[in-house]
Amino acid sequence: KTKEHTALTELEYLVQHDVLTGLFNRRGFRNYME
């Protein structure tokens, strides 16, 4: 399941990180705060 897991991991990263800078985006910041 390596390919599937890698794809899901990358998707989760994109959901939580700013595309330009690679920093946490608003969702990632909120998850960190929680």
Full PDB file with SEQRES, HELIX, SHEET, SSBOND, CRYST1, ORIGX, SCALE, CONECT and MASTER records, all heavy atoms in Angstrom:
SEQRES   1 A   34  LYS THR LYS GLU HIS THR ALA LEU THR GLU LEU GLU TYR          
SEQRES   2 A   34  LEU VAL GLN HIS ASP VAL LEU THR GLY LEU PHE ASN ARG          
SEQRES   3 A   34  ARG GLY PHE ARG ASN TYR MET GLU                              
HELIX    1 AA1 THR A    2  GLN A   16  1                                  15    
HELIX    2 AA2 ARG A   26  MET A   33  1                                   8    
CRYST1    1.000    1.000    1.000  90.00  90.00  90.00 P 1           1          
ORIGX1      1.000000  0.000000  0.000000        0.00000                         
ORIGX2      0.000000  1.000000  0.000000        0.00000                         
ORIGX3      0.000000  0.000000  1.000000        0.00000                         
SCALE1      1.000000  0.000000  0.000000        0.00000                         
SCALE2      0.000000  1.000000  0.000000        0.00000                         
SCALE3      0.000000  0.000000  1.000000        0.00000                         
ATOM      1  N   LYS A   1       0.825  -1.212   0.000  1.00  0.00           N  
ATOM      2  CA  LYS A   1       0.000   0.000   0.000  1.00  0.00           C  
ATOM      3  C   LYS A   1       0.861   1.266   0.000  1.00  0.00           C  
ATOM      4  O   LYS A   1       0.386   2.349   0.351  1.00  0.00           O  
ATOM      5  CB  LYS A   1      -0.890   0.004   1.254  1.00  0.00           C  
ATOM      6  CG  LYS A   1      -1.937  -1.086   1.295  1.00  0.00           C  
ATOM      7  CD  LYS A   1      -3.125  -0.710   0.441  1.00  0.00           C  
ATOM      8  CE  LYS A   1      -4.270  -1.697   0.649  1.00  0.00           C  
ATOM      9  NZ  LYS A   1      -5.465  -1.313  -0.110  1.00  0.00           N  
ATOM     10  N   THR A   2       2.119   1.108  -0.389  1.00  0.00           N  
ATOM     11  CA  THR A   2       3.049   2.232  -0.292  1.00  0.00           C  
ATOM     12  C   THR A   2       2.579   3.434  -1.120  1.00  0.00           C  
ATOM     13  O   THR A   2       2.578   4.570  -0.641  1.00  0.00           O  
ATOM     14  CB  THR A   2       4.453   1.803  -0.755  1.00  0.00           C  
ATOM     15  OG1 THR A   2       4.857   0.648  -0.009  1.00  0.00           O  
ATOM     16  CG2 THR A   2       5.461   2.913  -0.531  1.00  0.00           C  
ATOM     17  N   LYS A   3       2.165   3.187  -2.352  1.00  0.00           N  
ATOM     18  CA  LYS A   3       1.743   4.292  -3.218  1.00  0.00           C  
ATOM     19  C   LYS A   3       0.500   4.979  -2.668  1.00  0.00           C  
ATOM     20  O   LYS A   3       0.415   6.215  -2.638  1.00  0.00           O  
ATOM     21  CB  LYS A   3       1.487   3.781  -4.632  1.00  0.00           C  
ATOM     22  CG  LYS A   3       2.741   3.362  -5.377  1.00  0.00           C  
ATOM     23  CD  LYS A   3       2.406   2.923  -6.793  1.00  0.00           C  
ATOM     24  CE  LYS A   3       3.674   2.520  -7.558  1.00  0.00           C  
ATOM     25  NZ  LYS A   3       3.357   2.079  -8.938  1.00  0.00           N  
ATOM     26  N   GLU A   4      -0.481   4.173  -2.233  1.00  0.00           N  
ATOM     27  CA  GLU A   4      -1.704   4.758  -1.691  1.00  0.00           C  
ATOM     28  C   GLU A   4      -1.416   5.576  -0.444  1.00  0.00           C  
ATOM     29  O   GLU A   4      -1.930   6.686  -0.266  1.00  0.00           O  
ATOM     30  CB  GLU A   4      -2.724   3.665  -1.368  1.00  0.00           C  
ATOM     31  CG  GLU A   4      -3.257   2.931  -2.577  1.00  0.00           C  
ATOM     32  CD  GLU A   4      -2.436   1.698  -2.922  1.00  0.00           C  
ATOM     33  OE1 GLU A   4      -1.212   1.691  -2.621  1.00  0.00           O  
ATOM     34  OE2 GLU A   4      -3.009   0.757  -3.484  1.00  0.00           O  
ATOM     35  N   HIS A   5      -0.562   5.016   0.438  1.00  0.00           N  
ATOM     36  CA  HIS A   5      -0.244   5.721   1.678  1.00  0.00           C  
ATOM     37  C   HIS A   5       0.518   7.017   1.386  1.00  0.00           C  
ATOM     38  O   HIS A   5       0.244   8.052   2.012  1.00  0.00           O  
ATOM     39  CB  HIS A   5       0.598   4.822   2.585  1.00  0.00           C  
ATOM     40  CG  HIS A   5       1.068   5.496   3.838  1.00  0.00           C  
ATOM     41  ND1 HIS A   5       0.221   5.801   4.876  1.00  0.00           N  
ATOM     42  CD2 HIS A   5       2.299   5.954   4.203  1.00  0.00           C  
ATOM     43  CE1 HIS A   5       0.899   6.403   5.826  1.00  0.00           C  
ATOM     44  NE2 HIS A   5       2.155   6.514   5.453  1.00  0.00           N  
ATOM     45  N   THR A   6       1.440   6.963   0.447  1.00  0.00           N  
ATOM     46  CA  THR A   6       2.196   8.165   0.083  1.00  0.00           C  
ATOM     47  C   THR A   6       1.274   9.245  -0.459  1.00  0.00           C  
ATOM     48  O   THR A   6       1.406  10.427  -0.112  1.00  0.00           O  
ATOM     49  CB  THR A   6       3.275   7.822  -0.968  1.00  0.00           C  
ATOM     50  OG1 THR A   6       4.160   6.823  -0.426  1.00  0.00           O  
ATOM     51  CG2 THR A   6       4.078   9.061  -1.339  1.00  0.00           C  
ATOM     52  N   ALA A   7       0.312   8.817  -1.295  1.00  0.00           N  
ATOM     53  CA  ALA A   7      -0.633   9.782  -1.863  1.00  0.00           C  
ATOM     54  C   ALA A   7      -1.483  10.415  -0.765  1.00  0.00           C  
ATOM     55  O   ALA A   7      -1.709  11.633  -0.757  1.00  0.00           O  
ATOM     56  CB  ALA A   7      -1.527   9.102  -2.891  1.00  0.00           C  
ATOM     57  N   LEU A   8      -1.958   9.606   0.184  1.00  0.00           N  
ATOM     58  CA  LEU A   8      -2.770  10.137   1.274  1.00  0.00           C  
ATOM     59  C   LEU A   8      -1.950  11.057   2.179  1.00  0.00           C  
ATOM     60  O   LEU A   8      -2.444  12.086   2.649  1.00  0.00           O  
ATOM     61  CB  LEU A   8      -3.358   8.984   2.102  1.00  0.00           C  
ATOM     62  CG  LEU A   8      -4.501   8.206   1.446  1.00  0.00           C  
ATOM     63  CD1 LEU A   8      -4.878   7.008   2.297  1.00  0.00           C  
ATOM     64  CD2 LEU A   8      -5.718   9.103   1.251  1.00  0.00           C  
ATOM     65  N   THR A   9      -0.689  10.692   2.418  1.00  0.00           N  
ATOM     66  CA  THR A   9       0.185  11.524   3.241  1.00  0.00           C  
ATOM     67  C   THR A   9       0.425  12.875   2.575  1.00  0.00           C  
ATOM     68  O   THR A   9       0.379  13.932   3.225  1.00  0.00           O  
ATOM     69  CB  THR A   9       1.531  10.817   3.494  1.00  0.00           C  
ATOM     70  OG1 THR A   9       1.291   9.552   4.124  1.00  0.00           O  
ATOM     71  CG2 THR A   9       2.433  11.659   4.383  1.00  0.00           C  
ATOM     72  N   GLU A  10       0.671  12.841   1.259  1.00  0.00           N  
ATOM     73  CA  GLU A  10       0.894  14.093   0.532  1.00  0.00           C  
ATOM     74  C   GLU A  10      -0.372  14.948   0.529  1.00  0.00           C  
ATOM     75  O   GLU A  10      -0.307  16.176   0.659  1.00  0.00           O  
ATOM     76  CB  GLU A  10       1.334  13.795  -0.900  1.00  0.00           C  
ATOM     77  CG  GLU A  10       2.745  13.202  -0.995  1.00  0.00           C  
ATOM     78  CD  GLU A  10       3.117  12.824  -2.422  1.00  0.00           C  
ATOM     79  OE1 GLU A  10       2.230  12.909  -3.303  1.00  0.00           O  
ATOM     80  OE2 GLU A  10       4.275  12.437  -2.651  1.00  0.00           O  
ATOM     81  N   LEU A  11      -1.523  14.288   0.391  1.00  0.00           N  
ATOM     82  CA  LEU A  11      -2.787  15.018   0.404  1.00  0.00           C  
ATOM     83  C   LEU A  11      -3.004  15.683   1.761  1.00  0.00           C  
ATOM     84  O   LEU A  11      -3.403  16.850   1.846  1.00  0.00           O  
ATOM     85  CB  LEU A  11      -3.948  14.060   0.096  1.00  0.00           C  
ATOM     86  CG  LEU A  11      -5.348  14.674   0.105  1.00  0.00           C  
ATOM     87  CD1 LEU A  11      -5.466  15.765  -0.946  1.00  0.00           C  
ATOM     88  CD2 LEU A  11      -6.397  13.594  -0.132  1.00  0.00           C  
ATOM     89  N   GLU A  12      -2.731  14.941   2.836  1.00  0.00           N  
ATOM     90  CA  GLU A  12      -2.870  15.499   4.178  1.00  0.00           C  
ATOM     91  C   GLU A  12      -1.914  16.668   4.370  1.00  0.00           C  
ATOM     92  O   GLU A  12      -2.266  17.680   4.990  1.00  0.00           O  
ATOM     93  CB  GLU A  12      -2.601  14.415   5.228  1.00  0.00           C  
ATOM     94  CG  GLU A  12      -2.813  14.893   6.654  1.00  0.00           C  
ATOM     95  CD  GLU A  12      -2.589  13.795   7.669  1.00  0.00           C  
ATOM     96  OE1 GLU A  12      -2.437  12.630   7.263  1.00  0.00           O  
ATOM     97  OE2 GLU A  12      -2.561  14.105   8.867  1.00  0.00           O  
ATOM     98  N   TYR A  13      -0.700  16.558   3.836  1.00  0.00           N  
ATOM     99  CA  TYR A  13       0.272  17.658   3.941  1.00  0.00           C  
ATOM    100  C   TYR A  13      -0.243  18.893   3.204  1.00  0.00           C  
ATOM    101  O   TYR A  13      -0.186  20.015   3.722  1.00  0.00           O  
ATOM    102  CB  TYR A  13       1.618  17.209   3.358  1.00  0.00           C  
ATOM    103  CG  TYR A  13       2.683  18.286   3.405  1.00  0.00           C  
ATOM    104  CD1 TYR A  13       3.500  18.430   4.519  1.00  0.00           C  
ATOM    105  CD2 TYR A  13       2.859  19.171   2.331  1.00  0.00           C  
ATOM    106  CE1 TYR A  13       4.473  19.426   4.575  1.00  0.00           C  
ATOM    107  CE2 TYR A  13       3.820  20.170   2.380  1.00  0.00           C  
ATOM    108  CZ  TYR A  13       4.626  20.279   3.504  1.00  0.00           C  
ATOM    109  OH  TYR A  13       5.572  21.274   3.544  1.00  0.00           O  
ATOM    110  N   LEU A  14      -0.764  18.694   1.984  1.00  0.00           N  
ATOM    111  CA  LEU A  14      -1.253  19.825   1.202  1.00  0.00           C  
ATOM    112  C   LEU A  14      -2.427  20.506   1.881  1.00  0.00           C  
ATOM    113  O   LEU A  14      -2.574  21.732   1.808  1.00  0.00           O  
ATOM    114  CB  LEU A  14      -1.657  19.351  -0.201  1.00  0.00           C  
ATOM    115  CG  LEU A  14      -0.514  18.936  -1.132  1.00  0.00           C  
ATOM    116  CD1 LEU A  14      -1.074  18.339  -2.406  1.00  0.00           C  
ATOM    117  CD2 LEU A  14       0.398  20.116  -1.447  1.00  0.00           C  
ATOM    118  N   VAL A  15      -3.261  19.718   2.532  1.00  0.00           N  
ATOM    119  CA  VAL A  15      -4.430  20.282   3.209  1.00  0.00           C  
ATOM    120  C   VAL A  15      -3.998  21.213   4.342  1.00  0.00           C  
ATOM    121  O   VAL A  15      -4.669  22.206   4.631  1.00  0.00           O  
ATOM    122  CB  VAL A  15      -5.334  19.147   3.745  1.00  0.00           C  
ATOM    123  CG1 VAL A  15      -6.368  19.677   4.724  1.00  0.00           C  
ATOM    124  CG2 VAL A  15      -6.046  18.455   2.585  1.00  0.00           C  
ATOM    125  N   GLN A  16      -2.867  20.931   4.986  1.00  0.00           N  
ATOM    126  CA  GLN A  16      -2.468  21.664   6.184  1.00  0.00           C  
ATOM    127  C   GLN A  16      -1.333  22.665   5.953  1.00  0.00           C  
ATOM    128  O   GLN A  16      -0.957  23.379   6.877  1.00  0.00           O  
ATOM    129  CB  GLN A  16      -2.036  20.697   7.289  1.00  0.00           C  
ATOM    130  CG  GLN A  16      -3.141  19.788   7.781  1.00  0.00           C  
ATOM    131  CD  GLN A  16      -2.772  19.127   9.079  1.00  0.00           C  
ATOM    132  OE1 GLN A  16      -2.911  19.692  10.156  1.00  0.00           O  
ATOM    133  NE2 GLN A  16      -2.273  17.909   8.982  1.00  0.00           N  
ATOM    134  N   HIS A  17      -0.773  22.720   4.744  1.00  0.00           N  
ATOM    135  CA  HIS A  17       0.391  23.578   4.523  1.00  0.00           C  
ATOM    136  C   HIS A  17       0.160  24.553   3.375  1.00  0.00           C  
ATOM    137  O   HIS A  17      -0.541  24.241   2.402  1.00  0.00           O  
ATOM    138  CB  HIS A  17       1.637  22.730   4.230  1.00  0.00           C  
ATOM    139  CG  HIS A  17       2.151  21.990   5.426  1.00  0.00           C  
ATOM    140  ND1 HIS A  17       1.553  20.839   5.890  1.00  0.00           N  
ATOM    141  CD2 HIS A  17       3.194  22.242   6.269  1.00  0.00           C  
ATOM    142  CE1 HIS A  17       2.208  20.405   6.959  1.00  0.00           C  
ATOM    143  NE2 HIS A  17       3.202  21.244   7.205  1.00  0.00           N  
ATOM    144  N   ASP A  18       0.760  25.716   3.503  1.00  0.00           N  
ATOM    145  CA  ASP A  18       0.721  26.745   2.471  1.00  0.00           C  
ATOM    146  C   ASP A  18       1.532  26.297   1.263  1.00  0.00           C  
ATOM    147  O   ASP A  18       2.686  25.882   1.398  1.00  0.00           O  
ATOM    148  CB  ASP A  18       1.283  28.045   3.043  1.00  0.00           C  
ATOM    149  CG  ASP A  18       1.385  29.138   2.006  1.00  0.00           C  
ATOM    150  OD1 ASP A  18       0.435  29.286   1.228  1.00  0.00           O  
ATOM    151  OD2 ASP A  18       2.416  29.828   1.968  1.00  0.00           O  
ATOM    152  N   VAL A  19       0.921  26.365   0.090  1.00  0.00           N  
ATOM    153  CA  VAL A  19       1.570  25.868  -1.123  1.00  0.00           C  
ATOM    154  C   VAL A  19       2.834  26.661  -1.434  1.00  0.00           C  
ATOM    155  O   VAL A  19       3.846  26.098  -1.869  1.00  0.00           O  
ATOM    156  CB  VAL A  19       0.592  25.941  -2.321  1.00  0.00           C  
ATOM    157  CG1 VAL A  19       1.286  25.530  -3.607  1.00  0.00           C  
ATOM    158  CG2 VAL A  19      -0.613  25.053  -2.073  1.00  0.00           C  
ATOM    159  N   LEU A  20       2.807  27.973  -1.195  1.00  0.00           N  
ATOM    160  CA  LEU A  20       3.941  28.823  -1.567  1.00  0.00           C  
ATOM    161  C   LEU A  20       5.131  28.637  -0.625  1.00  0.00           C  
ATOM    162  O   LEU A  20       6.250  28.388  -1.063  1.00  0.00           O  
ATOM    163  CB  LEU A  20       3.509  30.296  -1.579  1.00  0.00           C  
ATOM    164  CG  LEU A  20       4.609  31.319  -1.859  1.00  0.00           C  
ATOM    165  CD1 LEU A  20       5.163  31.129  -3.266  1.00  0.00           C  
ATOM    166  CD2 LEU A  20       4.072  32.741  -1.682  1.00  0.00           C  
ATOM    167  N   THR A  21       4.886  28.757   0.681  1.00  0.00           N  
ATOM    168  CA  THR A  21       5.995  28.802   1.645  1.00  0.00           C  
ATOM    169  C   THR A  21       6.276  27.471   2.319  1.00  0.00           C  
ATOM    170  O   THR A  21       7.352  27.296   2.906  1.00  0.00           O  
ATOM    171  CB  THR A  21       5.697  29.838   2.733  1.00  0.00           C  
ATOM    172  OG1 THR A  21       4.514  29.428   3.460  1.00  0.00           O  
ATOM    173  CG2 THR A  21       5.448  31.213   2.123  1.00  0.00           C  
ATOM    174  N   GLY A  22       5.329  26.537   2.272  1.00  0.00           N  
ATOM    175  CA  GLY A  22       5.502  25.272   2.985  1.00  0.00           C  
ATOM    176  C   GLY A  22       5.207  25.376   4.472  1.00  0.00           C  
ATOM    177  O   GLY A  22       5.299  24.378   5.199  1.00  0.00           O  
ATOM    178  N   LEU A  23       4.834  26.579   4.954  1.00  0.00           N  
ATOM    179  CA  LEU A  23       4.459  26.739   6.353  1.00  0.00           C  
ATOM    180  C   LEU A  23       3.043  26.217   6.579  1.00  0.00           C  
ATOM    181  O   LEU A  23       2.289  25.985   5.628  1.00  0.00           O  
ATOM    182  CB  LEU A  23       4.508  28.220   6.747  1.00  0.00           C  
ATOM    183  CG  LEU A  23       5.850  28.939   6.579  1.00  0.00           C  
ATOM    184  CD1 LEU A  23       5.677  30.421   6.902  1.00  0.00           C  
ATOM    185  CD2 LEU A  23       6.921  28.317   7.459  1.00  0.00           C  
ATOM    186  N   PHE A  24       2.668  26.039   7.839  1.00  0.00           N  
ATOM    187  CA  PHE A  24       1.278  25.707   8.144  1.00  0.00           C  
ATOM    188  C   PHE A  24       0.360  26.768   7.556  1.00  0.00           C  
ATOM    189  O   PHE A  24       0.649  27.973   7.634  1.00  0.00           O  
ATOM    190  CB  PHE A  24       1.050  25.660   9.656  1.00  0.00           C  
ATOM    191  CG  PHE A  24       1.361  24.321  10.287  1.00  0.00           C  
ATOM    192  CD1 PHE A  24       2.099  24.253  11.457  1.00  0.00           C  
ATOM    193  CD2 PHE A  24       0.910  23.148   9.724  1.00  0.00           C  
ATOM    194  CE1 PHE A  24       2.386  23.035  12.043  1.00  0.00           C  
ATOM    195  CE2 PHE A  24       1.187  21.920  10.296  1.00  0.00           C  
ATOM    196  CZ  PHE A  24       1.933  21.867  11.457  1.00  0.00           C  
ATOM    197  N   ASN A  25      -0.745  26.332   6.945  1.00  0.00           N  
ATOM    198  CA  ASN A  25      -1.773  27.272   6.522  1.00  0.00           C  
ATOM    199  C   ASN A  25      -2.792  27.432   7.650  1.00  0.00           C  
ATOM    200  O   ASN A  25      -2.560  27.006   8.777  1.00  0.00           O  
ATOM    201  CB  ASN A  25      -2.432  26.815   5.214  1.00  0.00           C  
ATOM    202  CG  ASN A  25      -3.070  25.437   5.344  1.00  0.00           C  
ATOM    203  OD1 ASN A  25      -3.295  24.925   6.457  1.00  0.00           O  
ATOM    204  ND2 ASN A  25      -3.374  24.812   4.230  1.00  0.00           N  
ATOM    205  N   ARG A  26      -3.927  28.055   7.364  1.00  0.00           N  
ATOM    206  CA  ARG A  26      -4.917  28.313   8.403  1.00  0.00           C  
ATOM    207  C   ARG A  26      -5.409  27.015   9.051  1.00  0.00           C  
ATOM    208  O   ARG A  26      -5.575  26.944  10.276  1.00  0.00           O  
ATOM    209  CB  ARG A  26      -6.099  29.100   7.816  1.00  0.00           C  
ATOM    210  CG  ARG A  26      -7.093  29.602   8.856  1.00  0.00           C  
ATOM    211  CD  ARG A  26      -8.143  30.476   8.194  1.00  0.00           C  
ATOM    212  NE  ARG A  26      -7.587  31.703   7.677  1.00  0.00           N  
ATOM    213  CZ  ARG A  26      -7.440  32.811   8.405  1.00  0.00           C  
ATOM    214  NH1 ARG A  26      -7.801  32.823   9.669  1.00  0.00           N  
ATOM    215  NH2 ARG A  26      -6.946  33.896   7.853  1.00  0.00           N  
ATOM    216  N   ARG A  27      -5.649  25.970   8.241  1.00  0.00           N  
ATOM    217  CA  ARG A  27      -6.103  24.694   8.797  1.00  0.00           C  
ATOM    218  C   ARG A  27      -4.999  24.056   9.639  1.00  0.00           C  
ATOM    219  O   ARG A  27      -5.251  23.548  10.741  1.00  0.00           O  
ATOM    220  CB  ARG A  27      -6.525  23.742   7.674  1.00  0.00           C  
ATOM    221  CG  ARG A  27      -7.039  22.392   8.181  1.00  0.00           C  
ATOM    222  CD  ARG A  27      -7.248  21.436   7.017  1.00  0.00           C  
ATOM    223  NE  ARG A  27      -8.341  21.873   6.191  1.00  0.00           N  
ATOM    224  CZ  ARG A  27      -9.623  21.570   6.428  1.00  0.00           C  
ATOM    225  NH1 ARG A  27      -9.937  20.860   7.487  1.00  0.00           N  
ATOM    226  NH2 ARG A  27     -10.562  21.984   5.612  1.00  0.00           N  
ATOM    227  N   GLY A  28      -3.766  24.075   9.122  1.00  0.00           N  
ATOM    228  CA  GLY A  28      -2.659  23.501   9.879  1.00  0.00           C  
ATOM    229  C   GLY A  28      -2.426  24.245  11.182  1.00  0.00           C  
ATOM    230  O   GLY A  28      -2.138  23.631  12.223  1.00  0.00           O  
ATOM    231  N   PHE A  29      -2.551  25.591  11.129  1.00  0.00           N  
ATOM    232  CA  PHE A  29      -2.398  26.388  12.347  1.00  0.00           C  
ATOM    233  C   PHE A  29      -3.463  26.016  13.367  1.00  0.00           C  
ATOM    234  O   PHE A  29      -3.175  25.861  14.562  1.00  0.00           O  
ATOM    235  CB  PHE A  29      -2.499  27.877  11.996  1.00  0.00           C  
ATOM    236  CG  PHE A  29      -2.763  28.775  13.172  1.00  0.00           C  
ATOM    237  CD1 PHE A  29      -1.774  29.032  14.099  1.00  0.00           C  
ATOM    238  CD2 PHE A  29      -4.009  29.352  13.348  1.00  0.00           C  
ATOM    239  CE1 PHE A  29      -2.018  29.856  15.185  1.00  0.00           C  
ATOM    240  CE2 PHE A  29      -4.267  30.172  14.426  1.00  0.00           C  
ATOM    241  CZ  PHE A  29      -3.265  30.426  15.346  1.00  0.00           C  
ATOM    242  N   ARG A  30      -4.702  25.857  12.899  1.00  0.00           N  
ATOM    243  CA  ARG A  30      -5.782  25.518  13.833  1.00  0.00           C  
ATOM    244  C   ARG A  30      -5.555  24.137  14.446  1.00  0.00           C  
ATOM    245  O   ARG A  30      -5.783  23.938  15.648  1.00  0.00           O  
ATOM    246  CB  ARG A  30      -7.127  25.575  13.121  1.00  0.00           C  
ATOM    247  CG  ARG A  30      -8.296  25.408  14.083  1.00  0.00           C  
ATOM    248  CD  ARG A  30      -9.638  25.630  13.416  1.00  0.00           C  
ATOM    249  NE  ARG A  30     -10.698  25.522  14.384  1.00  0.00           N  
ATOM    250  CZ  ARG A  30     -11.111  26.511  15.166  1.00  0.00           C  
ATOM    251  NH1 ARG A  30     -10.553  27.691  15.070  1.00  0.00           N  
ATOM    252  NH2 ARG A  30     -12.091  26.325  16.036  1.00  0.00           N  
ATOM    253  N   ASN A  31      -5.118  23.184  13.636  1.00  0.00           N  
ATOM    254  CA  ASN A  31      -4.829  21.850  14.174  1.00  0.00           C  
ATOM    255  C   ASN A  31      -3.714  21.913  15.212  1.00  0.00           C  
ATOM    256  O   ASN A  31      -3.774  21.240  16.248  1.00  0.00           O  
ATOM    257  CB  ASN A  31      -4.444  20.897  13.036  1.00  0.00           C  
ATOM    258  CG  ASN A  31      -5.614  20.568  12.139  1.00  0.00           C  
ATOM    259  OD1 ASN A  31      -6.764  20.752  12.517  1.00  0.00           O  
ATOM    260  ND2 ASN A  31      -5.341  20.093  10.937  1.00  0.00           N  
ATOM    261  N   TYR A  32      -2.690  22.726  14.923  1.00  0.00           N  
ATOM    262  CA  TYR A  32      -1.603  22.899  15.893  1.00  0.00           C  
ATOM    263  C   TYR A  32      -2.142  23.503  17.190  1.00  0.00           C  
ATOM    264  O   TYR A  32      -1.776  23.062  18.287  1.00  0.00           O  
ATOM    265  CB  TYR A  32      -0.522  23.806  15.295  1.00  0.00           C  
ATOM    266  CG  TYR A  32       0.596  24.132  16.257  1.00  0.00           C  
ATOM    267  CD1 TYR A  32       1.717  23.318  16.353  1.00  0.00           C  
ATOM    268  CD2 TYR A  32       0.523  25.261  17.081  1.00  0.00           C  
ATOM    269  CE1 TYR A  32       2.743  23.615  17.242  1.00  0.00           C  
ATOM    270  CE2 TYR A  32       1.531  25.561  17.973  1.00  0.00           C  
ATOM    271  CZ  TYR A  32       2.641  24.736  18.048  1.00  0.00           C  
ATOM    272  OH  TYR A  32       3.641  25.032  18.939  1.00  0.00           O  
ATOM    273  N   MET A  33      -2.992  24.508  17.058  1.00  0.00           N  
ATOM    274  CA  MET A  33      -3.548  25.150  18.240  1.00  0.00           C  
ATOM    275  C   MET A  33      -4.406  24.189  19.059  1.00  0.00           C  
ATOM    276  O   MET A  33      -4.399  24.220  20.294  1.00  0.00           O  
ATOM    277  CB  MET A  33      -4.377  26.371  17.827  1.00  0.00           C  
ATOM    278  CG  MET A  33      -3.557  27.557  17.363  1.00  0.00           C  
ATOM    279  SD  MET A  33      -2.573  28.277  18.704  1.00  0.00           S  
ATOM    280  CE  MET A  33      -3.866  28.932  19.752  1.00  0.00           C  
ATOM    281  N   GLU A  34      -5.158  23.331  18.374  1.00  0.00           N  
ATOM    282  CA  GLU A  34      -5.982  22.352  19.096  1.00  0.00           C  
ATOM    283  C   GLU A  34      -5.107  21.413  19.921  1.00  0.00           C  
ATOM    284  O   GLU A  34      -5.449  21.067  21.060  1.00  0.00           O  
ATOM    285  CB  GLU A  34      -6.843  21.571  18.103  1.00  0.00           C  
ATOM    286  CG  GLU A  34      -7.994  22.390  17.529  1.00  0.00           C  
ATOM    287  CD  GLU A  34      -8.770  21.641  16.462  1.00  0.00           C  
ATOM    288  OE1 GLU A  34      -8.333  20.525  16.086  1.00  0.00           O  
ATOM    289  OE2 GLU A  34      -9.808  22.166  15.999  1.00  0.00           O  
TER     290      GLU A  34                                                      
MASTER        0    0    0    2    0    0    0    6  289    1    0    3          
END                                                                             
